[in-house]
């Protein structure tokens, strides 16, 4: 790597080292920045959901959703009413997301329903569990008393996450519901969420800058190649 490239990429590497050290200080095995999504991420959300294969769509939505139904779901997301969280890879591809929808149950008020999806390429990393924990933290800080999951009984991965968190799971034929009673929020939960938001913001901006840099570099290399080819043709 040339000296100019070292100078440009040094801040990125230094920041990544800072994030790893920060995670170690908090005794977190692996740092997984989870960002709260906004309307400007709608295109990425739509792209993420469209990448789910038919079996994953069936488990996520409870029916075999086609492309138009998936697009309609993404287009109708209400960011003012609900909260949506996402995990991005280095290319700023949304590889996992969670939808936290606030509602009142017939027998319990002030609840939130949790739904999650993870791309196949990101399976086995515990991202669903991380998103569930993040949603629980946020729900507590919002004063939510009960989180529940409505899922197909065959969605064992989702139900396992709920059971491991201490949720009570009720099965009714092909469908199941999991209920998790949430403790009240405290200073620690508010501080934890502030920290998580800050880490996620830093991580996202670094990935964004890195993507822009490599895109510019690719354009420069393409221009140089065109110039070389032009010179070669002129010399013939």
Protein backbone atom coordinates (compact mmCIF):
# COMPACT_ATOMS: atom_id res chain seq x y z
CA UNK A 1 0.00 0.00 0.00
CA UNK A 2 1.38 3.44 -0.96
CA UNK A 3 1.93 6.21 1.55
CA UNK A 4 -1.14 8.25 0.37
CA UNK A 5 -3.39 5.22 0.82
CA UNK A 6 -1.95 4.60 4.29
CA UNK A 7 -2.68 8.21 5.20
CA UNK A 8 -6.29 7.96 4.01
CA UNK A 9 -7.10 4.58 5.53
CA UNK A 10 -5.31 5.14 8.85
CA UNK A 11 -8.29 6.90 10.51
CA UNK A 12 -10.59 4.04 9.50
CA UNK A 13 -8.26 1.40 10.98
CA UNK A 14 -7.67 3.44 14.12
CA UNK A 15 -11.41 3.86 14.66
CA UNK A 16 -12.01 0.15 14.18
CA UNK A 17 -9.36 -0.56 16.83
CA UNK A 18 -11.08 1.90 19.17
CA UNK A 19 -14.42 0.14 18.70
CA UNK A 20 -12.84 -3.25 19.44
CA UNK A 21 -11.16 -1.91 22.58
CA UNK A 22 -14.40 -0.30 23.70
CA UNK A 23 -16.22 -3.58 23.28
CA UNK A 24 -13.53 -5.38 25.26
CA UNK A 25 -13.85 -2.85 28.07
CA UNK A 26 -17.56 -3.64 28.31
CA UNK A 27 -16.87 -7.40 28.29
CA UNK A 28 -18.82 -7.89 25.06
CA UNK A 29 -17.56 -10.97 23.14
CA UNK A 30 -18.15 -9.46 19.69
CA UNK A 31 -19.17 -5.91 18.93
CA UNK A 32 -22.26 -5.78 16.70
CA UNK A 33 -23.28 -2.15 16.09
CA UNK A 34 -27.06 -1.96 15.75
CA UNK A 35 -28.44 1.21 14.24
CA UNK A 36 -31.91 2.66 14.57
CA UNK A 37 -33.28 3.04 11.06
CA UNK A 38 -35.18 5.99 9.63
CA UNK A 39 -37.24 6.68 6.49
CA UNK A 40 -34.06 7.35 4.52
CA UNK A 41 -33.15 3.67 4.97
CA UNK A 42 -36.39 2.47 3.37
CA UNK A 43 -34.66 1.47 0.12
CA UNK A 44 -32.12 -0.63 2.01
CA UNK A 45 -34.90 -2.24 4.03
CA UNK A 46 -36.79 -3.09 0.86
CA UNK A 47 -33.64 -4.55 -0.73
CA UNK A 48 -32.94 -6.61 2.40
CA UNK A 49 -36.41 -8.12 2.51
CA UNK A 50 -36.42 -8.88 -1.21
CA UNK A 51 -33.22 -10.90 -0.75
CA UNK A 52 -35.01 -13.28 1.61
CA UNK A 53 -35.74 -16.56 -0.14
CA UNK A 54 -39.31 -18.00 -0.19
CA UNK A 55 -38.81 -20.11 2.95
CA UNK A 56 -37.40 -17.18 4.93
CA UNK A 57 -40.23 -14.92 3.77
CA UNK A 58 -42.71 -17.55 4.88
CA UNK A 59 -41.20 -17.68 8.36
CA UNK A 60 -40.84 -13.89 8.63
CA UNK A 61 -44.33 -12.92 7.48
CA UNK A 62 -46.27 -16.08 8.23
CA UNK A 63 -47.22 -16.55 4.59
CA UNK A 64 -45.48 -16.96 1.22
CA UNK A 65 -45.03 -13.24 0.51
CA UNK A 66 -44.29 -12.36 -3.10
CA UNK A 67 -42.18 -9.40 -4.21
CA UNK A 68 -45.11 -7.00 -4.41
CA UNK A 69 -46.28 -7.89 -0.90
CA UNK A 70 -42.76 -7.46 0.44
CA UNK A 71 -42.44 -4.05 -1.23
CA UNK A 72 -45.81 -3.00 0.16
CA UNK A 73 -44.71 -3.99 3.66
CA UNK A 74 -41.51 -1.94 3.35
CA UNK A 75 -43.32 1.06 1.86
CA UNK A 76 -45.91 1.06 4.66
CA UNK A 77 -43.49 0.98 7.56
CA UNK A 78 -44.40 3.76 9.99
CA UNK A 79 -41.21 5.16 11.50
CA UNK A 80 -43.14 7.59 13.67
CA UNK A 81 -45.16 4.85 15.34
CA UNK A 82 -42.72 1.91 15.39
CA UNK A 83 -38.98 1.41 15.78
CA UNK A 84 -36.78 -0.47 13.34
CA UNK A 85 -33.22 -1.61 13.94
CA UNK A 86 -30.62 -2.84 11.49
CA UNK A 87 -27.15 -4.33 11.20
CA UNK A 88 -24.98 -3.30 8.23
CA UNK A 89 -21.94 -4.99 6.78
CA UNK A 90 -18.90 -3.11 5.46
CA UNK A 91 -20.61 -2.49 2.12
CA UNK A 92 -23.55 -0.89 3.97
CA UNK A 93 -25.75 -3.79 2.99
CA UNK A 94 -28.51 -4.38 5.52
CA UNK A 95 -27.90 -7.98 6.55
CA UNK A 96 -30.30 -8.17 9.50
CA UNK A 97 -33.20 -6.07 10.75
CA UNK A 98 -35.83 -6.06 13.46
CA UNK A 99 -39.25 -4.41 13.53
CA UNK A 100 -40.59 -3.35 16.91
CA UNK A 101 -44.29 -2.53 16.54
CA UNK A 102 -46.10 -0.91 19.48
CA UNK A 103 -49.61 -2.11 20.22
CA UNK A 104 -52.04 -3.01 23.00
CA UNK A 105 -53.11 -6.59 23.56
CA UNK A 106 -56.66 -7.43 24.62
CA UNK A 107 -55.44 -8.64 28.01
CA UNK A 108 -52.40 -6.39 28.39
CA UNK A 109 -51.69 -2.77 27.46
CA UNK A 110 -48.42 -1.10 26.50
CA UNK A 111 -46.88 -3.94 24.49
CA UNK A 112 -44.49 -4.28 21.57
CA UNK A 113 -44.36 -7.00 18.93
CA UNK A 114 -40.94 -8.14 17.71
CA UNK A 115 -40.13 -9.44 14.23
CA UNK A 116 -36.70 -10.18 12.78
CA UNK A 117 -35.05 -11.25 9.53
CA UNK A 118 -31.44 -12.24 8.80
CA UNK A 119 -29.91 -12.94 5.40
CA UNK A 120 -28.60 -16.46 4.86
CA UNK A 121 -25.09 -15.10 4.35
CA UNK A 122 -25.15 -13.74 7.91
CA UNK A 123 -26.56 -16.79 9.69
CA UNK A 124 -24.82 -18.36 12.65
CA UNK A 125 -23.49 -15.06 14.02
CA UNK A 126 -26.19 -14.59 16.65
CA UNK A 127 -27.53 -11.45 14.97
CA UNK A 128 -31.14 -12.34 15.70
CA UNK A 129 -30.31 -12.68 19.38
CA UNK A 130 -28.45 -9.35 19.36
CA UNK A 131 -31.38 -7.60 17.70
CA UNK A 132 -33.80 -9.08 20.23
CA UNK A 133 -31.64 -7.88 23.13
CA UNK A 134 -31.42 -4.42 21.54
CA UNK A 135 -35.19 -4.32 21.11
CA UNK A 136 -35.72 -5.35 24.73
CA UNK A 137 -33.40 -2.59 25.94
CA UNK A 138 -35.18 0.01 23.82
CA UNK A 139 -38.63 -1.23 24.83
CA UNK A 140 -37.78 -0.96 28.52
CA UNK A 141 -36.61 2.60 28.05
CA UNK A 142 -39.89 3.35 26.24
CA UNK A 143 -41.90 2.07 29.19
CA UNK A 144 -43.06 -1.11 27.44
CA UNK A 145 -44.11 -3.78 29.91
CA UNK A 146 -44.60 -6.77 27.61
CA UNK A 147 -42.83 -7.88 24.44
CA UNK A 148 -44.41 -10.59 22.36
CA UNK A 149 -43.65 -12.57 19.23
CA UNK A 150 -46.24 -14.09 16.93
CA UNK A 151 -44.57 -16.75 14.80
CA UNK A 152 -45.18 -19.99 13.01
CA UNK A 153 -44.52 -22.96 15.29
CA UNK A 154 -41.93 -24.20 12.78
CA UNK A 155 -39.91 -21.02 13.26
CA UNK A 156 -37.76 -22.73 15.86
CA UNK A 157 -34.92 -20.22 15.63
CA UNK A 158 -37.16 -17.31 16.61
CA UNK A 159 -38.91 -19.22 19.36
CA UNK A 160 -35.55 -20.37 20.73
CA UNK A 161 -34.41 -16.75 21.03
CA UNK A 162 -37.57 -15.96 22.96
CA UNK A 163 -37.26 -18.97 25.27
CA UNK A 164 -33.61 -18.21 26.00
CA UNK A 165 -34.65 -14.71 27.05
CA UNK A 166 -37.15 -16.18 29.51
CA UNK A 167 -40.29 -15.72 27.43
CA UNK A 168 -43.40 -17.84 27.97
CA UNK A 169 -44.29 -19.62 24.73
CA UNK A 170 -47.82 -20.75 23.92
CA UNK A 171 -48.42 -23.01 20.93
CA UNK A 172 -51.72 -23.18 19.07
CA UNK A 173 -51.38 -25.60 16.18
CA UNK A 174 -49.26 -24.13 13.39
CA UNK A 175 -48.77 -20.83 15.22
CA UNK A 176 -47.08 -19.85 18.48
CA UNK A 177 -46.89 -16.76 20.63
CA UNK A 178 -44.13 -15.85 23.04
CA UNK A 179 -44.58 -13.34 25.86
CA UNK A 180 -41.74 -11.70 27.76
CA UNK A 181 -42.48 -9.54 30.80
CA UNK A 182 -40.05 -6.62 30.86
CA UNK A 183 -38.64 -5.07 34.04
CA UNK A 184 -38.76 -1.33 34.50
CA UNK A 185 -36.00 0.77 32.99
CA UNK A 186 -33.26 2.33 35.08
CA UNK A 187 -30.25 4.56 34.72
CA UNK A 188 -28.19 1.62 33.46
CA UNK A 189 -30.59 0.84 30.60
CA UNK A 190 -30.68 4.47 29.46
CA UNK A 191 -26.89 4.76 29.57
CA UNK A 192 -26.53 1.46 27.72
CA UNK A 193 -28.82 2.60 24.93
CA UNK A 194 -27.01 5.93 24.60
CA UNK A 195 -23.74 4.03 24.31
CA UNK A 196 -25.14 1.59 21.73
CA UNK A 197 -26.52 4.46 19.65
CA UNK A 198 -23.19 6.27 19.70
CA UNK A 199 -21.20 3.18 18.71
CA UNK A 200 -23.65 2.39 15.91
CA UNK A 201 -23.48 5.95 14.58
CA UNK A 202 -19.67 5.98 14.57
CA UNK A 203 -19.57 2.58 12.89
CA UNK A 204 -22.09 3.60 10.21
CA UNK A 205 -20.29 6.83 9.36
CA UNK A 206 -16.94 5.04 9.10
CA UNK A 207 -18.41 2.43 6.77
CA UNK A 208 -20.05 5.17 4.73
CA UNK A 209 -16.78 7.07 4.37
CA UNK A 210 -14.87 3.90 3.50
CA UNK A 211 -17.43 2.99 0.83
CA UNK A 212 -17.23 6.48 -0.68
CA UNK A 213 -13.42 6.33 -0.68
CA UNK A 214 -13.21 2.97 -2.43
CA UNK A 215 -15.85 4.11 -4.93
CA UNK A 216 -13.80 7.21 -5.76
CA UNK A 217 -10.64 5.11 -6.00
CA UNK A 218 -12.35 2.70 -8.40
CA UNK A 219 -13.45 5.64 -10.58
CA UNK A 220 -9.91 7.03 -10.63
CA UNK A 221 -8.49 3.65 -11.61
CA UNK A 222 -11.09 3.32 -14.38
CA UNK A 223 -10.17 6.77 -15.73
CA UNK A 224 -6.47 5.86 -15.65
CA UNK A 225 -7.20 2.66 -17.53
CA UNK A 226 -9.16 4.56 -20.17
CA UNK A 227 -6.27 7.02 -20.52
CA UNK A 228 -3.77 4.16 -20.95
CA UNK A 229 -5.96 2.51 -23.56
CA UNK A 230 -6.36 5.84 -25.35
CA UNK A 231 -2.58 6.38 -25.44
CA UNK A 232 -2.07 2.84 -26.69
CA UNK A 233 -4.53 3.33 -29.53
CA UNK A 234 -2.92 6.67 -30.43
CA UNK A 235 0.51 5.06 -30.60
CA UNK A 236 -0.68 2.43 -33.09
